[in-house]
């Protein structure tokens, strides 16, 4: 791609809908790639702790590391290694697998 064509792409206004892991990562990538106007839209009134954990697969860790936001981050410091996984019936708490 020619430099002038890339400059015209970077002048585009980018909208990212949702501030979950994917939305935040997408907005960061556009910003790091030099897009001049990146807008992130979220319907939640505030962002914060919701009491739920997330599982991050190794391929997402590589993406976050490539974005420069994994090593020495608060995310990395809070990681708990999963030792085992089970599937349970929510009503009876009986193991299904």
PDB file of N, CA and C in Angstrom:
ATOM      1  N   UNK A   1       0.843  -1.163   0.000  1.00  0.00           N
ATOM      2  CA  UNK A   1       0.000   0.000   0.000  1.00  0.00           C
ATOM      3  C   UNK A   1       0.894   1.234   0.000  1.00  0.00           C
ATOM      4  N   UNK A   2       0.545   2.187  -0.826  1.00  0.00           N
ATOM      5  CA  UNK A   2       1.358   3.401  -0.920  1.00  0.00           C
ATOM      6  C   UNK A   2       1.172   4.261   0.329  1.00  0.00           C
ATOM      7  N   UNK A   3       2.158   5.117   0.578  1.00  0.00           N
ATOM      8  CA  UNK A   3       2.099   5.975   1.764  1.00  0.00           C
ATOM      9  C   UNK A   3       0.908   6.921   1.724  1.00  0.00           C
ATOM     10  N   UNK A   4       0.596   7.472   0.539  1.00  0.00           N
ATOM     11  CA  UNK A   4      -0.539   8.402   0.454  1.00  0.00           C
ATOM     12  C   UNK A   4      -1.859   7.682   0.711  1.00  0.00           C
ATOM     13  N   UNK A   5      -1.958   6.431   0.236  1.00  0.00           N
ATOM     14  CA  UNK A   5      -3.182   5.665   0.470  1.00  0.00           C
ATOM     15  C   UNK A   5      -3.310   5.344   1.965  1.00  0.00           C
ATOM     16  N   UNK A   6      -2.188   4.977   2.606  1.00  0.00           N
ATOM     17  CA  UNK A   6      -2.222   4.675   4.030  1.00  0.00           C
ATOM     18  C   UNK A   6      -2.581   5.919   4.833  1.00  0.00           C
ATOM     19  N   UNK A   7      -2.075   7.077   4.429  1.00  0.00           N
ATOM     20  CA  UNK A   7      -2.411   8.330   5.116  1.00  0.00           C
ATOM     21  C   UNK A   7      -3.897   8.624   5.011  1.00  0.00           C
ATOM     22  N   UNK A   8      -4.490   8.342   3.847  1.00  0.00           N
ATOM     23  CA  UNK A   8      -5.925   8.593   3.697  1.00  0.00           C
ATOM     24  C   UNK A   8      -6.735   7.635   4.567  1.00  0.00           C
ATOM     25  N   UNK A   9      -6.274   6.390   4.719  1.00  0.00           N
ATOM     26  CA  UNK A   9      -6.959   5.455   5.614  1.00  0.00           C
ATOM     27  C   UNK A   9      -6.881   5.937   7.054  1.00  0.00           C
ATOM     28  N   UNK A  10      -5.721   6.441   7.465  1.00  0.00           N
ATOM     29  CA  UNK A  10      -5.538   6.888   8.846  1.00  0.00           C
ATOM     30  C   UNK A  10      -6.367   8.123   9.168  1.00  0.00           C
ATOM     31  N   UNK A  11      -6.837   8.826   8.140  1.00  0.00           N
ATOM     32  CA  UNK A  11      -7.695   9.991   8.353  1.00  0.00           C
ATOM     33  C   UNK A  11      -9.152   9.586   8.584  1.00  0.00           C
ATOM     34  N   UNK A  12      -9.486   8.313   8.366  1.00  0.00           N
ATOM     35  CA  UNK A  12     -10.853   7.840   8.590  1.00  0.00           C
ATOM     36  C   UNK A  12     -11.207   7.915  10.071  1.00  0.00           C
ATOM     37  N   UNK A  13     -12.469   8.179  10.356  1.00  0.00           N
ATOM     38  CA  UNK A  13     -12.964   8.116  11.729  1.00  0.00           C
ATOM     39  C   UNK A  13     -13.350   6.672  12.019  1.00  0.00           C
ATOM     40  N   UNK A  14     -12.801   6.120  13.078  1.00  0.00           N
ATOM     41  CA  UNK A  14     -13.050   4.726  13.436  1.00  0.00           C
ATOM     42  C   UNK A  14     -13.952   4.687  14.662  1.00  0.00           C
ATOM     43  N   UNK A  15     -15.005   3.872  14.594  1.00  0.00           N
ATOM     44  CA  UNK A  15     -15.895   3.666  15.736  1.00  0.00           C
ATOM     45  C   UNK A  15     -15.798   2.219  16.172  1.00  0.00           C
ATOM     46  N   UNK A  16     -15.609   2.006  17.454  1.00  0.00           N
ATOM     47  CA  UNK A  16     -15.579   0.668  18.037  1.00  0.00           C
ATOM     48  C   UNK A  16     -16.735   0.603  19.025  1.00  0.00           C
ATOM     49  N   UNK A  17     -17.587  -0.398  18.881  1.00  0.00           N
ATOM     50  CA  UNK A  17     -18.756  -0.536  19.744  1.00  0.00           C
ATOM     51  C   UNK A  17     -18.499  -1.640  20.757  1.00  0.00           C
ATOM     52  N   UNK A  18     -18.532  -1.275  22.031  1.00  0.00           N
ATOM     53  CA  UNK A  18     -18.335  -2.230  23.112  1.00  0.00           C
ATOM     54  C   UNK A  18     -16.948  -2.132  23.713  1.00  0.00           C
ATOM     55  N   UNK A  19     -16.905  -2.020  25.029  1.00  0.00           N
ATOM     56  CA  UNK A  19     -15.608  -1.884  25.685  1.00  0.00           C
ATOM     57  C   UNK A  19     -15.219  -3.142  26.447  1.00  0.00           C
ATOM     58  N   UNK A  20     -15.566  -4.289  25.865  1.00  0.00           N
ATOM     59  CA  UNK A  20     -15.071  -5.548  26.405  1.00  0.00           C
ATOM     60  C   UNK A  20     -13.620  -5.734  25.980  1.00  0.00           C
ATOM     61  N   UNK A  21     -13.094  -6.910  26.217  1.00  0.00           N
ATOM     62  CA  UNK A  21     -11.690  -7.179  25.864  1.00  0.00           C
ATOM     63  C   UNK A  21     -11.425  -6.917  24.384  1.00  0.00           C
ATOM     64  N   UNK A  22     -12.327  -7.385  23.528  1.00  0.00           N
ATOM     65  CA  UNK A  22     -12.139  -7.207  22.086  1.00  0.00           C
ATOM     66  C   UNK A  22     -12.231  -5.759  21.653  1.00  0.00           C
ATOM     67  N   UNK A  23     -13.221  -5.041  22.176  1.00  0.00           N
ATOM     68  CA  UNK A  23     -13.394  -3.639  21.814  1.00  0.00           C
ATOM     69  C   UNK A  23     -12.236  -2.774  22.266  1.00  0.00           C
ATOM     70  N   UNK A  24     -11.792  -2.976  23.504  1.00  0.00           N
ATOM     71  CA  UNK A  24     -10.655  -2.202  24.008  1.00  0.00           C
ATOM     72  C   UNK A  24      -9.394  -2.502  23.210  1.00  0.00           C
ATOM     73  N   UNK A  25      -9.180  -3.791  22.898  1.00  0.00           N
ATOM     74  CA  UNK A  25      -7.995  -4.158  22.109  1.00  0.00           C
ATOM     75  C   UNK A  25      -8.068  -3.553  20.709  1.00  0.00           C
ATOM     76  N   UNK A  26      -9.255  -3.601  20.088  1.00  0.00           N
ATOM     77  CA  UNK A  26      -9.400  -3.032  18.742  1.00  0.00           C
ATOM     78  C   UNK A  26      -9.125  -1.533  18.747  1.00  0.00           C
ATOM     79  N   UNK A  27      -9.686  -0.814  19.723  1.00  0.00           N
ATOM     80  CA  UNK A  27      -9.453   0.630  19.808  1.00  0.00           C
ATOM     81  C   UNK A  27      -7.972   0.929  20.008  1.00  0.00           C
ATOM     82  N   UNK A  28      -7.308   0.135  20.827  1.00  0.00           N
ATOM     83  CA  UNK A  28      -5.875   0.332  21.060  1.00  0.00           C
ATOM     84  C   UNK A  28      -5.071   0.083  19.790  1.00  0.00           C
ATOM     85  N   UNK A  29      -5.412  -0.972  19.053  1.00  0.00           N
ATOM     86  CA  UNK A  29      -4.700  -1.275  17.806  1.00  0.00           C
ATOM     87  C   UNK A  29      -4.858  -0.137  16.806  1.00  0.00           C
ATOM     88  N   UNK A  30      -6.083   0.337  16.608  1.00  0.00           N
ATOM     89  CA  UNK A  30      -6.287   1.449  15.667  1.00  0.00           C
ATOM     90  C   UNK A  30      -5.472   2.670  16.084  1.00  0.00           C
ATOM     91  N   UNK A  31      -5.473   2.954  17.371  1.00  0.00           N
ATOM     92  CA  UNK A  31      -4.726   4.110  17.866  1.00  0.00           C
ATOM     93  C   UNK A  31      -3.223   3.933  17.655  1.00  0.00           C
ATOM     94  N   UNK A  32      -2.704   2.744  17.994  1.00  0.00           N
ATOM     95  CA  UNK A  32      -1.265   2.483  17.832  1.00  0.00           C
ATOM     96  C   UNK A  32      -0.845   2.469  16.364  1.00  0.00           C
ATOM     97  N   UNK A  33      -1.782   2.136  15.478  1.00  0.00           N
ATOM     98  CA  UNK A  33      -1.475   2.115  14.043  1.00  0.00           C
ATOM     99  C   UNK A  33      -1.554   3.502  13.421  1.00  0.00           C
ATOM    100  N   UNK A  34      -1.892   4.505  14.215  1.00  0.00           N
ATOM    101  CA  UNK A  34      -1.848   5.871  13.725  1.00  0.00           C
ATOM    102  C   UNK A  34      -3.157   6.460  13.250  1.00  0.00           C
ATOM    103  N   UNK A  35      -4.267   5.728  13.445  1.00  0.00           N
ATOM    104  CA  UNK A  35      -5.555   6.312  13.078  1.00  0.00           C
ATOM    105  C   UNK A  35      -5.808   7.506  13.990  1.00  0.00           C
ATOM    106  N   UNK A  36      -6.166   8.639  13.388  1.00  0.00           N
ATOM    107  CA  UNK A  36      -6.212   9.899  14.128  1.00  0.00           C
ATOM    108  C   UNK A  36      -7.460  10.073  14.975  1.00  0.00           C
ATOM    109  N   UNK A  37      -8.545   9.413  14.608  1.00  0.00           N
ATOM    110  CA  UNK A  37      -9.802   9.606  15.335  1.00  0.00           C
ATOM    111  C   UNK A  37     -10.438   8.249  15.615  1.00  0.00           C
ATOM    112  N   UNK A  38     -10.304   7.774  16.849  1.00  0.00           N
ATOM    113  CA  UNK A  38     -10.859   6.489  17.262  1.00  0.00           C
ATOM    114  C   UNK A  38     -11.846   6.752  18.396  1.00  0.00           C
ATOM    115  N   UNK A  39     -13.090   6.323  18.205  1.00  0.00           N
ATOM    116  CA  UNK A  39     -14.131   6.518  19.217  1.00  0.00           C
ATOM    117  C   UNK A  39     -14.582   5.159  19.731  1.00  0.00           C
ATOM    118  N   UNK A  40     -14.691   5.032  21.037  1.00  0.00           N
ATOM    119  CA  UNK A  40     -15.127   3.802  21.686  1.00  0.00           C
ATOM    120  C   UNK A  40     -16.485   4.067  22.330  1.00  0.00           C
ATOM    121  N   UNK A  41     -17.487   3.269  21.964  1.00  0.00           N
ATOM    122  CA  UNK A  41     -18.844   3.456  22.480  1.00  0.00           C
ATOM    123  C   UNK A  41     -19.222   2.296  23.389  1.00  0.00           C
ATOM    124  N   UNK A  42     -19.830   2.630  24.518  1.00  0.00           N
ATOM    125  CA  UNK A  42     -20.243   1.630  25.503  1.00  0.00           C
ATOM    126  C   UNK A  42     -21.556   2.089  26.128  1.00  0.00           C
ATOM    127  N   UNK A  43     -22.502   1.167  26.322  1.00  0.00           N
ATOM    128  CA  UNK A  43     -23.789   1.540  26.915  1.00  0.00           C
ATOM    129  C   UNK A  43     -23.776   1.486  28.439  1.00  0.00           C
ATOM    130  N   UNK A  44     -22.836   0.765  29.028  1.00  0.00           N
ATOM    131  CA  UNK A  44     -22.771   0.695  30.493  1.00  0.00           C
ATOM    132  C   UNK A  44     -22.466   2.083  31.055  1.00  0.00           C
ATOM    133  N   UNK A  45     -23.127   2.453  32.149  1.00  0.00           N
ATOM    134  CA  UNK A  45     -22.899   3.783  32.714  1.00  0.00           C
ATOM    135  C   UNK A  45     -21.500   3.965  33.295  1.00  0.00           C
ATOM    136  N   UNK A  46     -20.870   2.870  33.698  1.00  0.00           N
ATOM    137  CA  UNK A  46     -19.513   2.946  34.249  1.00  0.00           C
ATOM    138  C   UNK A  46     -18.818   1.613  34.014  1.00  0.00           C
ATOM    139  N   UNK A  47     -17.520   1.659  33.892  1.00  0.00           N
ATOM    140  CA  UNK A  47     -16.737   0.440  33.731  1.00  0.00           C
ATOM    141  C   UNK A  47     -16.119   0.090  35.075  1.00  0.00           C
ATOM    142  N   UNK A  48     -16.032  -1.184  35.350  1.00  0.00           N
ATOM    143  CA  UNK A  48     -15.427  -1.580  36.612  1.00  0.00           C
ATOM    144  C   UNK A  48     -15.591  -3.059  36.859  1.00  0.00           C
ATOM    145  N   UNK A  49     -15.269  -3.453  38.048  1.00  0.00           N
ATOM    146  CA  UNK A  49     -15.316  -4.843  38.468  1.00  0.00           C
ATOM    147  C   UNK A  49     -16.760  -5.318  38.540  1.00  0.00           C
ATOM    148  N   UNK A  50     -17.047  -6.470  37.928  1.00  0.00           N
ATOM    149  CA  UNK A  50     -18.411  -7.000  37.939  1.00  0.00           C
ATOM    150  C   UNK A  50     -18.513  -8.319  38.698  1.00  0.00           C
ATOM    151  N   UNK A  51     -17.427  -8.772  39.281  1.00  0.00           N
ATOM    152  CA  UNK A  51     -17.467  -9.990  40.072  1.00  0.00           C
ATOM    153  C   UNK A  51     -17.310 -11.268  39.281  1.00  0.00           C
ATOM    154  N   UNK A  52     -16.990 -11.164  38.027  1.00  0.00           N
ATOM    155  CA  UNK A  52     -16.824 -12.350  37.191  1.00  0.00           C
ATOM    156  C   UNK A  52     -15.376 -12.458  36.734  1.00  0.00           C
ATOM    157  N   UNK A  53     -14.904 -13.658  36.644  1.00  0.00           N
ATOM    158  CA  UNK A  53     -13.561 -13.871  36.116  1.00  0.00           C
ATOM    159  C   UNK A  53     -13.606 -14.049  34.615  1.00  0.00           C
ATOM    160  N   UNK A  54     -12.477 -13.898  33.992  1.00  0.00           N
ATOM    161  CA  UNK A  54     -12.370 -14.168  32.560  1.00  0.00           C
ATOM    162  C   UNK A  54     -11.230 -15.142  32.350  1.00  0.00           C
ATOM    163  N   UNK A  55     -11.377 -15.959  31.346  1.00  0.00           N
ATOM    164  CA  UNK A  55     -10.312 -16.882  30.987  1.00  0.00           C
ATOM    165  C   UNK A  55      -9.646 -16.354  29.732  1.00  0.00           C
ATOM    166  N   UNK A  56      -8.340 -16.218  29.790  1.00  0.00           N
ATOM    167  CA  UNK A  56      -7.586 -15.703  28.654  1.00  0.00           C
ATOM    168  C   UNK A  56      -6.760 -16.846  28.075  1.00  0.00           C
ATOM    169  N   UNK A  57      -7.051 -17.192  26.840  1.00  0.00           N
ATOM    170  CA  UNK A  57      -6.325 -18.268  26.162  1.00  0.00           C
ATOM    171  C   UNK A  57      -4.923 -17.797  25.782  1.00  0.00           C
ATOM    172  N   UNK A  58      -4.002 -18.742  25.604  1.00  0.00           N
ATOM    173  CA  UNK A  58      -2.626 -18.369  25.248  1.00  0.00           C
ATOM    174  C   UNK A  58      -2.518 -17.492  24.002  1.00  0.00           C
ATOM    175  N   UNK A  59      -3.395 -17.712  23.015  1.00  0.00           N
ATOM    176  CA  UNK A  59      -3.302 -16.875  21.809  1.00  0.00           C
ATOM    177  C   UNK A  59      -3.671 -15.422  22.106  1.00  0.00           C
ATOM    178  N   UNK A  60      -4.604 -15.170  23.028  1.00  0.00           N
ATOM    179  CA  UNK A  60      -4.927 -13.794  23.401  1.00  0.00           C
ATOM    180  C   UNK A  60      -3.782 -13.167  24.191  1.00  0.00           C
ATOM    181  N   UNK A  61      -3.103 -13.949  25.009  1.00  0.00           N
ATOM    182  CA  UNK A  61      -1.936 -13.426  25.733  1.00  0.00           C
ATOM    183  C   UNK A  61      -0.884 -12.955  24.741  1.00  0.00           C
ATOM    184  N   UNK A  62      -0.681 -13.705  23.663  1.00  0.00           N
ATOM    185  CA  UNK A  62       0.286 -13.279  22.635  1.00  0.00           C
ATOM    186  C   UNK A  62      -0.154 -11.970  21.981  1.00  0.00           C
ATOM    187  N   UNK A  63      -1.454 -11.816  21.735  1.00  0.00           N
ATOM    188  CA  UNK A  63      -1.965 -10.567  21.151  1.00  0.00           C
ATOM    189  C   UNK A  63      -1.736  -9.408  22.118  1.00  0.00           C
ATOM    190  N   UNK A  64      -2.104  -9.585  23.391  1.00  0.00           N
ATOM    191  CA  UNK A  64      -1.906  -8.528  24.386  1.00  0.00           C
ATOM    192  C   UNK A  64      -0.433  -8.184  24.547  1.00  0.00           C
ATOM    193  N   UNK A  65       0.415  -9.194  24.493  1.00  0.00           N
ATOM    194  CA  UNK A  65       1.860  -8.951  24.577  1.00  0.00           C
ATOM    195  C   UNK A  65       2.332  -8.157  23.364  1.00  0.00           C
ATOM    196  N   UNK A  66       1.823  -8.498  22.183  1.00  0.00           N
ATOM    197  CA  UNK A  66       2.182  -7.771  20.968  1.00  0.00           C
ATOM    198  C   UNK A  66       1.737  -6.312  21.003  1.00  0.00           C
ATOM    199  N   UNK A  67       0.660  -6.040  21.746  1.00  0.00           N
ATOM    200  CA  UNK A  67       0.181  -4.664  21.908  1.00  0.00           C
ATOM    201  C   UNK A  67       0.950  -3.917  22.997  1.00  0.00           C
ATOM    202  N   UNK A  68       1.813  -4.648  23.695  1.00  0.00           N
ATOM    203  CA  UNK A  68       2.604  -4.022  24.750  1.00  0.00           C
ATOM    204  C   UNK A  68       1.847  -3.818  26.048  1.00  0.00           C
ATOM    205  N   UNK A  69       0.780  -4.591  26.266  1.00  0.00           N
ATOM    206  CA  UNK A  69      -0.012  -4.395  27.481  1.00  0.00           C
ATOM    207  C   UNK A  69      -0.129  -5.660  28.326  1.00  0.00           C
ATOM    208  N   UNK A  70       0.801  -6.585  28.190  1.00  0.00           N
ATOM    209  CA  UNK A  70       0.740  -7.801  29.005  1.00  0.00           C
ATOM    210  C   UNK A  70       1.830  -7.820  30.064  1.00  0.00           C
ATOM    211  N   UNK A  71       3.086  -7.844  29.660  1.00  0.00           N
ATOM    212  CA  UNK A  71       4.182  -7.963  30.627  1.00  0.00           C
ATOM    213  C   UNK A  71       4.237  -6.759  31.548  1.00  0.00           C
ATOM    214  N   UNK A  72       4.452  -7.044  32.833  1.00  0.00           N
ATOM    215  CA  UNK A  72       4.536  -6.022  33.881  1.00  0.00           C
ATOM    216  C   UNK A  72       3.262  -5.199  34.002  1.00  0.00           C
ATOM    217  N   UNK A  73       2.135  -5.796  33.656  1.00  0.00           N
ATOM    218  CA  UNK A  73       0.854  -5.083  33.738  1.00  0.00           C
ATOM    219  C   UNK A  73       0.066  -5.581  34.944  1.00  0.00           C
ATOM    220  N   UNK A  74      -0.970  -4.831  35.299  1.00  0.00           N
ATOM    221  CA  UNK A  74      -1.867  -5.277  36.365  1.00  0.00           C
ATOM    222  C   UNK A  74      -2.563  -6.571  35.971  1.00  0.00           C
ATOM    223  N   UNK A  75      -2.799  -6.755  34.684  1.00  0.00           N
ATOM    224  CA  UNK A  75      -3.445  -7.985  34.209  1.00  0.00           C
ATOM    225  C   UNK A  75      -2.561  -9.178  34.544  1.00  0.00           C
ATOM    226  N   UNK A  76      -1.304  -9.122  34.147  1.00  0.00           N
ATOM    227  CA  UNK A  76      -0.386 -10.239  34.368  1.00  0.00           C
ATOM    228  C   UNK A  76      -0.227 -10.532  35.861  1.00  0.00           C
ATOM    229  N   UNK A  77      -0.217  -9.499  36.687  1.00  0.00           N
ATOM    230  CA  UNK A  77      -0.028  -9.677  38.132  1.00  0.00           C
ATOM    231  C   UNK A  77      -1.204 -10.390  38.791  1.00  0.00           C
ATOM    232  N   UNK A  78      -2.388 -10.313  38.201  1.00  0.00           N
ATOM    233  CA  UNK A  78      -3.598 -10.896  38.789  1.00  0.00           C
ATOM    234  C   UNK A  78      -3.918 -12.296  38.266  1.00  0.00           C
ATOM    235  N   UNK A  79      -3.097 -12.828  37.391  1.00  0.00           N
ATOM    236  CA  UNK A  79      -3.379 -14.114  36.750  1.00  0.00           C
ATOM    237  C   UNK A  79      -3.347 -15.263  37.752  1.00  0.00           C
ATOM    238  N   UNK A  80      -4.298 -16.157  37.600  1.00  0.00           N
ATOM    239  CA  UNK A  80      -4.320 -17.413  38.335  1.00  0.00           C
ATOM    240  C   UNK A  80      -4.294 -18.528  37.305  1.00  0.00           C
ATOM    241  N   UNK A  81      -3.358 -19.438  37.429  1.00  0.00           N
ATOM    242  CA  UNK A  81      -3.268 -20.552  36.492  1.00  0.00           C
ATOM    243  C   UNK A  81      -4.400 -21.544  36.766  1.00  0.00           C
ATOM    244  N   UNK A  82      -5.137 -21.910  35.732  1.00  0.00           N
ATOM    245  CA  UNK A  82      -6.225 -22.883  35.859  1.00  0.00           C
ATOM    246  C   UNK A  82      -5.615 -24.269  36.010  1.00  0.00           C
ATOM    247  N   UNK A  83      -5.984 -24.958  37.078  1.00  0.00           N
ATOM    248  CA  UNK A  83      -5.457 -26.295  37.338  1.00  0.00           C
ATOM    249  C   UNK A  83      -6.354 -27.389  36.752  1.00  0.00           C
ATOM    250  N   UNK A  84      -7.660 -27.163  36.762  1.00  0.00           N
ATOM    251  CA  UNK A  84      -8.591 -28.125  36.180  1.00  0.00           C
ATOM    252  C   UNK A  84      -9.890 -27.416  35.830  1.00  0.00           C
ATOM    253  N   UNK A  85     -10.656 -28.038  34.954  1.00  0.00           N
ATOM    254  CA  UNK A  85     -11.925 -27.480  34.506  1.00  0.00           C
ATOM    255  C   UNK A  85     -12.989 -28.561  34.629  1.00  0.00           C
ATOM    256  N   UNK A  86     -14.156 -28.198  35.078  1.00  0.00           N
ATOM    257  CA  UNK A  86     -15.257 -29.141  35.169  1.00  0.00           C
ATOM    258  C   UNK A  86     -16.537 -28.503  34.670  1.00  0.00           C
ATOM    259  N   UNK A  87     -17.482 -29.338  34.287  1.00  0.00           N
ATOM    260  CA  UNK A  87     -18.789 -28.859  33.845  1.00  0.00           C
ATOM    261  C   UNK A  87     -19.821 -29.425  34.814  1.00  0.00           C
ATOM    262  N   UNK A  88     -20.622 -28.522  35.397  1.00  0.00           N
ATOM    263  CA  UNK A  88     -21.569 -28.924  36.427  1.00  0.00           C
ATOM    264  C   UNK A  88     -22.980 -28.480  36.076  1.00  0.00           C
ATOM    265  N   UNK A  89     -23.958 -29.253  36.548  1.00  0.00           N
ATOM    266  CA  UNK A  89     -25.358 -28.879  36.436  1.00  0.00           C
ATOM    267  C   UNK A  89     -25.602 -27.759  37.445  1.00  0.00           C
ATOM    268  N   UNK A  90     -26.087 -26.609  36.973  1.00  0.00           N
ATOM    269  CA  UNK A  90     -26.283 -25.465  37.852  1.00  0.00           C
ATOM    270  C   UNK A  90     -27.336 -25.684  38.921  1.00  0.00           C
ATOM    271  N   UNK A  91     -28.321 -26.536  38.669  1.00  0.00           N
ATOM    272  CA  UNK A  91     -29.396 -26.769  39.636  1.00  0.00           C
ATOM    273  C   UNK A  91     -28.995 -27.763  40.716  1.00  0.00           C
ATOM    274  N   UNK A  92     -28.234 -28.786  40.330  1.00  0.00           N
ATOM    275  CA  UNK A  92     -27.903 -29.856  41.285  1.00  0.00           C
ATOM    276  C   UNK A  92     -26.445 -29.848  41.722  1.00  0.00           C
ATOM    277  N   UNK A  93     -25.618 -29.132  41.026  1.00  0.00           N
ATOM    278  CA  UNK A  93     -24.173 -29.096  41.268  1.00  0.00           C
ATOM    279  C   UNK A  93     -23.508 -30.452  41.006  1.00  0.00           C
ATOM    280  N   UNK A  94     -24.194 -31.326  40.259  1.00  0.00           N
ATOM    281  CA  UNK A  94     -23.605 -32.610  39.882  1.00  0.00           C
ATOM    282  C   UNK A  94     -22.666 -32.413  38.703  1.00  0.00           C
ATOM    283  N   UNK A  95     -21.538 -33.101  38.751  1.00  0.00           N
ATOM    284  CA  UNK A  95     -20.575 -33.022  37.653  1.00  0.00           C
ATOM    285  C   UNK A  95     -21.168 -33.660  36.403  1.00  0.00           C
ATOM    286  N   UNK A  96     -21.045 -32.981  35.268  1.00  0.00           N
ATOM    287  CA  UNK A  96     -21.542 -33.510  33.998  1.00  0.00           C
ATOM    288  C   UNK A  96     -20.411 -34.084  33.160  1.00  0.00           C
ATOM    289  N   UNK A  97     -19.219 -33.614  33.377  1.00  0.00           N
ATOM    290  CA  UNK A  97     -18.075 -34.115  32.598  1.00  0.00           C
ATOM    291  C   UNK A  97     -16.823 -34.046  33.431  1.00  0.00           C
TER     292      UNK A  97
END
